[in-house]
């Protein structure tokens, strides 16, 4: 969407989130962390991505920018397989 602000590897909290999205008119933010799953362990890689979002406080930049609703997604990929978990 043309009015969405999308940042890749943007500094936020204690590190750099893979993808941060701001939807200003809805005051909604999205944090996406992507991991490569070793040996097809997609579930654990998604869980680690969500833990990293929390541990590194990636939502802090979105909150500072006035986003009130935050959606968090952990994505894991292994060869041609992919898994997404919302947190």
PDB file of N, CA and C in Angstrom:
ATOM      1  N   UNK A   1       0.855  -1.177   0.000  1.00  0.00           N
ATOM      2  CA  UNK A   1       0.000   0.000   0.000  1.00  0.00           C
ATOM      3  C   UNK A   1       0.897   1.236   0.000  1.00  0.00           C
ATOM      4  N   UNK A   2       0.509   2.215  -0.743  1.00  0.00           N
ATOM      5  CA  UNK A   2       1.374   3.380  -0.916  1.00  0.00           C
ATOM      6  C   UNK A   2       1.533   4.233   0.338  1.00  0.00           C
ATOM      7  N   UNK A   3       0.593   4.192   1.267  1.00  0.00           N
ATOM      8  CA  UNK A   3       0.719   5.001   2.476  1.00  0.00           C
ATOM      9  C   UNK A   3       1.364   4.239   3.642  1.00  0.00           C
ATOM     10  N   UNK A   4       1.729   2.993   3.437  1.00  0.00           N
ATOM     11  CA  UNK A   4       2.407   2.222   4.474  1.00  0.00           C
ATOM     12  C   UNK A   4       3.895   2.563   4.449  1.00  0.00           C
ATOM     13  N   UNK A   5       4.510   2.606   5.608  1.00  0.00           N
ATOM     14  CA  UNK A   5       5.942   2.828   5.718  1.00  0.00           C
ATOM     15  C   UNK A   5       6.590   1.483   6.024  1.00  0.00           C
ATOM     16  N   UNK A   6       7.459   1.024   5.142  1.00  0.00           N
ATOM     17  CA  UNK A   6       8.089  -0.288   5.281  1.00  0.00           C
ATOM     18  C   UNK A   6       9.593  -0.098   5.378  1.00  0.00           C
ATOM     19  N   UNK A   7      10.185  -0.666   6.440  1.00  0.00           N
ATOM     20  CA  UNK A   7      11.623  -0.552   6.657  1.00  0.00           C
ATOM     21  C   UNK A   7      12.222  -1.945   6.776  1.00  0.00           C
ATOM     22  N   UNK A   8      13.369  -2.129   6.162  1.00  0.00           N
ATOM     23  CA  UNK A   8      14.083  -3.397   6.238  1.00  0.00           C
ATOM     24  C   UNK A   8      15.370  -3.182   7.030  1.00  0.00           C
ATOM     25  N   UNK A   9      15.629  -4.084   7.965  1.00  0.00           N
ATOM     26  CA  UNK A   9      16.807  -4.001   8.830  1.00  0.00           C
ATOM     27  C   UNK A   9      16.936  -2.642   9.506  1.00  0.00           C
ATOM     28  N   UNK A  10      15.821  -2.134   9.990  1.00  0.00           N
ATOM     29  CA  UNK A  10      15.794  -0.835  10.657  1.00  0.00           C
ATOM     30  C   UNK A  10      16.136  -0.993  12.129  1.00  0.00           C
ATOM     31  N   UNK A  11      16.895  -0.044  12.651  1.00  0.00           N
ATOM     32  CA  UNK A  11      17.243  -0.082  14.065  1.00  0.00           C
ATOM     33  C   UNK A  11      15.998   0.114  14.906  1.00  0.00           C
ATOM     34  N   UNK A  12      15.826  -0.765  15.868  1.00  0.00           N
ATOM     35  CA  UNK A  12      14.686  -0.682  16.768  1.00  0.00           C
ATOM     36  C   UNK A  12      15.015  -1.454  18.030  1.00  0.00           C
ATOM     37  N   UNK A  13      14.786  -0.844  19.171  1.00  0.00           N
ATOM     38  CA  UNK A  13      15.084  -1.533  20.426  1.00  0.00           C
ATOM     39  C   UNK A  13      16.554  -1.815  20.557  1.00  0.00           C
ATOM     40  N   UNK A  14      16.891  -3.078  20.789  1.00  0.00           N
ATOM     41  CA  UNK A  14      18.271  -3.496  21.013  1.00  0.00           C
ATOM     42  C   UNK A  14      18.901  -4.131  19.775  1.00  0.00           C
ATOM     43  N   UNK A  15      18.419  -3.794  18.601  1.00  0.00           N
ATOM     44  CA  UNK A  15      18.994  -4.395  17.401  1.00  0.00           C
ATOM     45  C   UNK A  15      18.327  -3.885  16.143  1.00  0.00           C
ATOM     46  N   UNK A  16      18.257  -4.754  15.154  1.00  0.00           N
ATOM     47  CA  UNK A  16      17.706  -4.413  13.853  1.00  0.00           C
ATOM     48  C   UNK A  16      16.674  -5.461  13.463  1.00  0.00           C
ATOM     49  N   UNK A  17      15.409  -5.069  13.418  1.00  0.00           N
ATOM     50  CA  UNK A  17      14.360  -5.990  13.001  1.00  0.00           C
ATOM     51  C   UNK A  17      14.429  -6.216  11.501  1.00  0.00           C
ATOM     52  N   UNK A  18      14.099  -7.420  11.055  1.00  0.00           N
ATOM     53  CA  UNK A  18      14.165  -7.711   9.625  1.00  0.00           C
ATOM     54  C   UNK A  18      13.234  -6.805   8.820  1.00  0.00           C
ATOM     55  N   UNK A  19      11.961  -6.739   9.219  1.00  0.00           N
ATOM     56  CA  UNK A  19      10.998  -5.892   8.510  1.00  0.00           C
ATOM     57  C   UNK A  19      10.084  -5.225   9.532  1.00  0.00           C
ATOM     58  N   UNK A  20       9.964  -3.908   9.451  1.00  0.00           N
ATOM     59  CA  UNK A  20       9.037  -3.143  10.276  1.00  0.00           C
ATOM     60  C   UNK A  20       8.077  -2.424   9.344  1.00  0.00           C
ATOM     61  N   UNK A  21       6.798  -2.512   9.638  1.00  0.00           N
ATOM     62  CA  UNK A  21       5.773  -1.870   8.813  1.00  0.00           C
ATOM     63  C   UNK A  21       4.928  -0.962   9.702  1.00  0.00           C
ATOM     64  N   UNK A  22       4.669   0.254   9.232  1.00  0.00           N
ATOM     65  CA  UNK A  22       3.771   1.168   9.931  1.00  0.00           C
ATOM     66  C   UNK A  22       2.607   1.503   9.006  1.00  0.00           C
ATOM     67  N   UNK A  23       1.403   1.385   9.543  1.00  0.00           N
ATOM     68  CA  UNK A  23       0.185   1.759   8.819  1.00  0.00           C
ATOM     69  C   UNK A  23      -0.399   2.945   9.596  1.00  0.00           C
ATOM     70  N   UNK A  24       0.036   4.168   9.249  1.00  0.00           N
ATOM     71  CA  UNK A  24      -0.283   5.344  10.063  1.00  0.00           C
ATOM     72  C   UNK A  24      -1.773   5.604  10.266  1.00  0.00           C
ATOM     73  N   UNK A  25      -2.591   5.475   9.239  1.00  0.00           N
ATOM     74  CA  UNK A  25      -4.009   5.808   9.391  1.00  0.00           C
ATOM     75  C   UNK A  25      -4.750   4.832  10.310  1.00  0.00           C
ATOM     76  N   UNK A  26      -4.192   3.650  10.510  1.00  0.00           N
ATOM     77  CA  UNK A  26      -4.790   2.665  11.423  1.00  0.00           C
ATOM     78  C   UNK A  26      -3.997   2.544  12.721  1.00  0.00           C
ATOM     79  N   UNK A  27      -2.876   3.296  12.806  1.00  0.00           N
ATOM     80  CA  UNK A  27      -1.978   3.251  13.964  1.00  0.00           C
ATOM     81  C   UNK A  27      -1.576   1.807  14.291  1.00  0.00           C
ATOM     82  N   UNK A  28      -1.282   1.071  13.222  1.00  0.00           N
ATOM     83  CA  UNK A  28      -0.932  -0.337  13.343  1.00  0.00           C
ATOM     84  C   UNK A  28       0.514  -0.550  12.903  1.00  0.00           C
ATOM     85  N   UNK A  29       1.231  -1.383  13.654  1.00  0.00           N
ATOM     86  CA  UNK A  29       2.590  -1.742  13.302  1.00  0.00           C
ATOM     87  C   UNK A  29       2.722  -3.240  13.141  1.00  0.00           C
ATOM     88  N   UNK A  30       3.666  -3.632  12.307  1.00  0.00           N
ATOM     89  CA  UNK A  30       3.934  -5.049  12.065  1.00  0.00           C
ATOM     90  C   UNK A  30       5.438  -5.265  12.172  1.00  0.00           C
ATOM     91  N   UNK A  31       5.836  -6.290  12.935  1.00  0.00           N
ATOM     92  CA  UNK A  31       7.237  -6.678  13.032  1.00  0.00           C
ATOM     93  C   UNK A  31       7.358  -8.084  12.462  1.00  0.00           C
ATOM     94  N   UNK A  32       8.288  -8.258  11.533  1.00  0.00           N
ATOM     95  CA  UNK A  32       8.517  -9.565  10.921  1.00  0.00           C
ATOM     96  C   UNK A  32       9.980  -9.935  11.116  1.00  0.00           C
ATOM     97  N   UNK A  33      10.215 -11.081  11.702  1.00  0.00           N
ATOM     98  CA  UNK A  33      11.579 -11.608  11.877  1.00  0.00           C
ATOM     99  C   UNK A  33      11.662 -12.913  11.106  1.00  0.00           C
ATOM    100  N   UNK A  34      12.693 -13.063  10.297  1.00  0.00           N
ATOM    101  CA  UNK A  34      12.829 -14.210   9.403  1.00  0.00           C
ATOM    102  C   UNK A  34      14.061 -15.012   9.787  1.00  0.00           C
ATOM    103  N   UNK A  35      13.900 -16.321   9.836  1.00  0.00           N
ATOM    104  CA  UNK A  35      14.995 -17.232  10.183  1.00  0.00           C
ATOM    105  C   UNK A  35      15.107 -18.334   9.141  1.00  0.00           C
ATOM    106  N   UNK A  36      16.328 -18.840   8.966  1.00  0.00           N
ATOM    107  CA  UNK A  36      16.536 -20.045   8.178  1.00  0.00           C
ATOM    108  C   UNK A  36      16.476 -21.226   9.138  1.00  0.00           C
ATOM    109  N   UNK A  37      15.609 -22.178   8.862  1.00  0.00           N
ATOM    110  CA  UNK A  37      15.419 -23.339   9.735  1.00  0.00           C
ATOM    111  C   UNK A  37      16.404 -24.440   9.345  1.00  0.00           C
ATOM    112  N   UNK A  38      17.234 -24.822  10.274  1.00  0.00           N
ATOM    113  CA  UNK A  38      18.171 -25.907  10.016  1.00  0.00           C
ATOM    114  C   UNK A  38      17.434 -27.235  10.093  1.00  0.00           C
ATOM    115  N   UNK A  39      17.730 -28.116   9.177  1.00  0.00           N
ATOM    116  CA  UNK A  39      17.168 -29.474   9.162  1.00  0.00           C
ATOM    117  C   UNK A  39      15.650 -29.497   9.215  1.00  0.00           C
ATOM    118  N   UNK A  40      15.007 -28.545   8.591  1.00  0.00           N
ATOM    119  CA  UNK A  40      13.545 -28.509   8.475  1.00  0.00           C
ATOM    120  C   UNK A  40      12.832 -28.321   9.819  1.00  0.00           C
ATOM    121  N   UNK A  41      13.492 -27.725  10.806  1.00  0.00           N
ATOM    122  CA  UNK A  41      12.870 -27.451  12.107  1.00  0.00           C
ATOM    123  C   UNK A  41      12.176 -26.091  12.051  1.00  0.00           C
ATOM    124  N   UNK A  42      11.101 -26.026  11.289  1.00  0.00           N
ATOM    125  CA  UNK A  42      10.403 -24.770  11.047  1.00  0.00           C
ATOM    126  C   UNK A  42       9.755 -24.201  12.299  1.00  0.00           C
ATOM    127  N   UNK A  43       9.123 -25.053  13.087  1.00  0.00           N
ATOM    128  CA  UNK A  43       8.431 -24.583  14.311  1.00  0.00           C
ATOM    129  C   UNK A  43       9.400 -23.909  15.275  1.00  0.00           C
ATOM    130  N   UNK A  44      10.523 -24.544  15.530  1.00  0.00           N
ATOM    131  CA  UNK A  44      11.468 -23.979  16.495  1.00  0.00           C
ATOM    132  C   UNK A  44      12.117 -22.711  15.963  1.00  0.00           C
ATOM    133  N   UNK A  45      12.334 -22.623  14.666  1.00  0.00           N
ATOM    134  CA  UNK A  45      12.908 -21.406  14.088  1.00  0.00           C
ATOM    135  C   UNK A  45      11.911 -20.248  14.178  1.00  0.00           C
ATOM    136  N   UNK A  46      10.632 -20.525  13.961  1.00  0.00           N
ATOM    137  CA  UNK A  46       9.595 -19.494  14.114  1.00  0.00           C
ATOM    138  C   UNK A  46       9.528 -19.027  15.563  1.00  0.00           C
ATOM    139  N   UNK A  47       9.584 -19.967  16.486  1.00  0.00           N
ATOM    140  CA  UNK A  47       9.546 -19.630  17.908  1.00  0.00           C
ATOM    141  C   UNK A  47      10.743 -18.772  18.282  1.00  0.00           C
ATOM    142  N   UNK A  48      11.915 -19.103  17.751  1.00  0.00           N
ATOM    143  CA  UNK A  48      13.114 -18.306  18.022  1.00  0.00           C
ATOM    144  C   UNK A  48      12.972 -16.898  17.450  1.00  0.00           C
ATOM    145  N   UNK A  49      12.372 -16.779  16.280  1.00  0.00           N
ATOM    146  CA  UNK A  49      12.149 -15.454  15.684  1.00  0.00           C
ATOM    147  C   UNK A  49      11.251 -14.605  16.575  1.00  0.00           C
ATOM    148  N   UNK A  50      10.180 -15.191  17.093  1.00  0.00           N
ATOM    149  CA  UNK A  50       9.277 -14.453  17.983  1.00  0.00           C
ATOM    150  C   UNK A  50       9.969 -14.084  19.295  1.00  0.00           C
ATOM    151  N   UNK A  51      10.807 -14.984  19.815  1.00  0.00           N
ATOM    152  CA  UNK A  51      11.569 -14.679  21.032  1.00  0.00           C
ATOM    153  C   UNK A  51      12.524 -13.510  20.792  1.00  0.00           C
ATOM    154  N   UNK A  52      13.134 -13.487  19.614  1.00  0.00           N
ATOM    155  CA  UNK A  52      14.062 -12.407  19.286  1.00  0.00           C
ATOM    156  C   UNK A  52      13.341 -11.066  19.216  1.00  0.00           C
ATOM    157  N   UNK A  53      12.131 -11.052  18.667  1.00  0.00           N
ATOM    158  CA  UNK A  53      11.335  -9.822  18.621  1.00  0.00           C
ATOM    159  C   UNK A  53      11.139  -9.288  20.033  1.00  0.00           C
ATOM    160  N   UNK A  54      10.826 -10.163  20.972  1.00  0.00           N
ATOM    161  CA  UNK A  54      10.621  -9.751  22.362  1.00  0.00           C
ATOM    162  C   UNK A  54      11.934  -9.367  23.041  1.00  0.00           C
ATOM    163  N   UNK A  55      12.922 -10.244  22.914  1.00  0.00           N
ATOM    164  CA  UNK A  55      14.206 -10.040  23.580  1.00  0.00           C
ATOM    165  C   UNK A  55      14.876  -8.729  23.151  1.00  0.00           C
ATOM    166  N   UNK A  56      14.769  -8.400  21.886  1.00  0.00           N
ATOM    167  CA  UNK A  56      15.432  -7.211  21.352  1.00  0.00           C
ATOM    168  C   UNK A  56      14.521  -5.987  21.311  1.00  0.00           C
ATOM    169  N   UNK A  57      13.287  -6.136  21.773  1.00  0.00           N
ATOM    170  CA  UNK A  57      12.323  -5.024  21.860  1.00  0.00           C
ATOM    171  C   UNK A  57      12.130  -4.312  20.524  1.00  0.00           C
ATOM    172  N   UNK A  58      11.956  -5.083  19.463  1.00  0.00           N
ATOM    173  CA  UNK A  58      11.778  -4.494  18.139  1.00  0.00           C
ATOM    174  C   UNK A  58      10.511  -3.644  18.023  1.00  0.00           C
ATOM    175  N   UNK A  59       9.537  -3.873  18.891  1.00  0.00           N
ATOM    176  CA  UNK A  59       8.295  -3.086  18.818  1.00  0.00           C
ATOM    177  C   UNK A  59       8.492  -1.656  19.320  1.00  0.00           C
ATOM    178  N   UNK A  60       9.595  -1.381  20.000  1.00  0.00           N
ATOM    179  CA  UNK A  60       9.777  -0.061  20.613  1.00  0.00           C
ATOM    180  C   UNK A  60       9.732   1.078  19.605  1.00  0.00           C
ATOM    181  N   UNK A  61      10.323   0.908  18.433  1.00  0.00           N
ATOM    182  CA  UNK A  61      10.300   1.962  17.405  1.00  0.00           C
ATOM    183  C   UNK A  61       8.874   2.225  16.937  1.00  0.00           C
ATOM    184  N   UNK A  62       8.097   1.170  16.770  1.00  0.00           N
ATOM    185  CA  UNK A  62       6.716   1.327  16.336  1.00  0.00           C
ATOM    186  C   UNK A  62       5.895   2.064  17.390  1.00  0.00           C
ATOM    187  N   UNK A  63       6.112   1.709  18.655  1.00  0.00           N
ATOM    188  CA  UNK A  63       5.406   2.388  19.738  1.00  0.00           C
ATOM    189  C   UNK A  63       5.802   3.866  19.819  1.00  0.00           C
ATOM    190  N   UNK A  64       7.094   4.141  19.653  1.00  0.00           N
ATOM    191  CA  UNK A  64       7.573   5.534  19.644  1.00  0.00           C
ATOM    192  C   UNK A  64       6.916   6.343  18.532  1.00  0.00           C
ATOM    193  N   UNK A  65       6.647   5.695  17.414  1.00  0.00           N
ATOM    194  CA  UNK A  65       6.038   6.370  16.261  1.00  0.00           C
ATOM    195  C   UNK A  65       4.519   6.455  16.361  1.00  0.00           C
ATOM    196  N   UNK A  66       3.953   6.030  17.492  1.00  0.00           N
ATOM    197  CA  UNK A  66       2.525   6.183  17.723  1.00  0.00           C
ATOM    198  C   UNK A  66       1.652   5.026  17.297  1.00  0.00           C
ATOM    199  N   UNK A  67       2.255   3.890  16.960  1.00  0.00           N
ATOM    200  CA  UNK A  67       1.454   2.728  16.596  1.00  0.00           C
ATOM    201  C   UNK A  67       0.890   2.127  17.885  1.00  0.00           C
ATOM    202  N   UNK A  68      -0.395   1.834  17.905  1.00  0.00           N
ATOM    203  CA  UNK A  68      -1.029   1.316  19.119  1.00  0.00           C
ATOM    204  C   UNK A  68      -1.363  -0.172  19.032  1.00  0.00           C
ATOM    205  N   UNK A  69      -1.516  -0.687  17.843  1.00  0.00           N
ATOM    206  CA  UNK A  69      -1.759  -2.113  17.632  1.00  0.00           C
ATOM    207  C   UNK A  69      -0.529  -2.678  16.943  1.00  0.00           C
ATOM    208  N   UNK A  70       0.058  -3.711  17.535  1.00  0.00           N
ATOM    209  CA  UNK A  70       1.279  -4.302  16.977  1.00  0.00           C
ATOM    210  C   UNK A  70       1.036  -5.779  16.694  1.00  0.00           C
ATOM    211  N   UNK A  71       1.379  -6.198  15.476  1.00  0.00           N
ATOM    212  CA  UNK A  71       1.323  -7.604  15.081  1.00  0.00           C
ATOM    213  C   UNK A  71       2.754  -8.090  14.905  1.00  0.00           C
ATOM    214  N   UNK A  72       3.051  -9.294  15.427  1.00  0.00           N
ATOM    215  CA  UNK A  72       4.401  -9.867  15.358  1.00  0.00           C
ATOM    216  C   UNK A  72       4.333 -11.199  14.620  1.00  0.00           C
ATOM    217  N   UNK A  73       5.273 -11.385  13.684  1.00  0.00           N
ATOM    218  CA  UNK A  73       5.318 -12.617  12.903  1.00  0.00           C
ATOM    219  C   UNK A  73       6.731 -13.177  12.885  1.00  0.00           C
ATOM    220  N   UNK A  74       6.833 -14.469  13.177  1.00  0.00           N
ATOM    221  CA  UNK A  74       8.083 -15.202  13.017  1.00  0.00           C
ATOM    222  C   UNK A  74       7.951 -16.065  11.776  1.00  0.00           C
ATOM    223  N   UNK A  75       8.901 -15.920  10.873  1.00  0.00           N
ATOM    224  CA  UNK A  75       8.870 -16.686   9.620  1.00  0.00           C
ATOM    225  C   UNK A  75      10.129 -17.541   9.552  1.00  0.00           C
ATOM    226  N   UNK A  76       9.954 -18.802   9.192  1.00  0.00           N
ATOM    227  CA  UNK A  76      11.088 -19.708   9.033  1.00  0.00           C
ATOM    228  C   UNK A  76      11.021 -20.340   7.643  1.00  0.00           C
ATOM    229  N   UNK A  77      12.191 -20.459   7.024  1.00  0.00           N
ATOM    230  CA  UNK A  77      12.291 -21.058   5.690  1.00  0.00           C
ATOM    231  C   UNK A  77      13.329 -22.172   5.716  1.00  0.00           C
ATOM    232  N   UNK A  78      13.033 -23.228   4.989  1.00  0.00           N
ATOM    233  CA  UNK A  78      13.978 -24.319   4.799  1.00  0.00           C
ATOM    234  C   UNK A  78      13.751 -24.868   3.401  1.00  0.00           C
ATOM    235  N   UNK A  79      14.736 -24.700   2.555  1.00  0.00           N
ATOM    236  CA  UNK A  79      14.650 -25.082   1.143  1.00  0.00           C
ATOM    237  C   UNK A  79      13.367 -24.491   0.558  1.00  0.00           C
ATOM    238  N   UNK A  80      12.408 -25.296   0.131  1.00  0.00           N
ATOM    239  CA  UNK A  80      11.172 -24.771  -0.473  1.00  0.00           C
ATOM    240  C   UNK A  80      10.001 -24.734   0.497  1.00  0.00           C
ATOM    241  N   UNK A  81      10.274 -24.925   1.786  1.00  0.00           N
ATOM    242  CA  UNK A  81       9.217 -24.905   2.789  1.00  0.00           C
ATOM    243  C   UNK A  81       9.297 -23.625   3.604  1.00  0.00           C
ATOM    244  N   UNK A  82       8.134 -23.179   4.044  1.00  0.00           N
ATOM    245  CA  UNK A  82       8.068 -21.959   4.833  1.00  0.00           C
ATOM    246  C   UNK A  82       6.969 -22.111   5.868  1.00  0.00           C
ATOM    247  N   UNK A  83       7.170 -21.487   7.025  1.00  0.00           N
ATOM    248  CA  UNK A  83       6.179 -21.523   8.104  1.00  0.00           C
ATOM    249  C   UNK A  83       6.103 -20.126   8.697  1.00  0.00           C
ATOM    250  N   UNK A  84       4.899 -19.701   9.035  1.00  0.00           N
ATOM    251  CA  UNK A  84       4.692 -18.392   9.656  1.00  0.00           C
ATOM    252  C   UNK A  84       3.888 -18.603  10.940  1.00  0.00           C
ATOM    253  N   UNK A  85       4.377 -17.979  12.010  1.00  0.00           N
ATOM    254  CA  UNK A  85       3.642 -18.017  13.282  1.00  0.00           C
ATOM    255  C   UNK A  85       3.467 -16.598  13.761  1.00  0.00           C
ATOM    256  N   UNK A  86       2.235 -16.269  14.141  1.00  0.00           N
ATOM    257  CA  UNK A  86       1.947 -14.942  14.695  1.00  0.00           C
ATOM    258  C   UNK A  86       2.102 -15.013  16.201  1.00  0.00           C
ATOM    259  N   UNK A  87       2.627 -13.945  16.752  1.00  0.00           N
ATOM    260  CA  UNK A  87       2.831 -13.920  18.201  1.00  0.00           C
ATOM    261  C   UNK A  87       2.164 -12.757  18.851  1.00  0.00           C
TER     262      UNK A  87
END
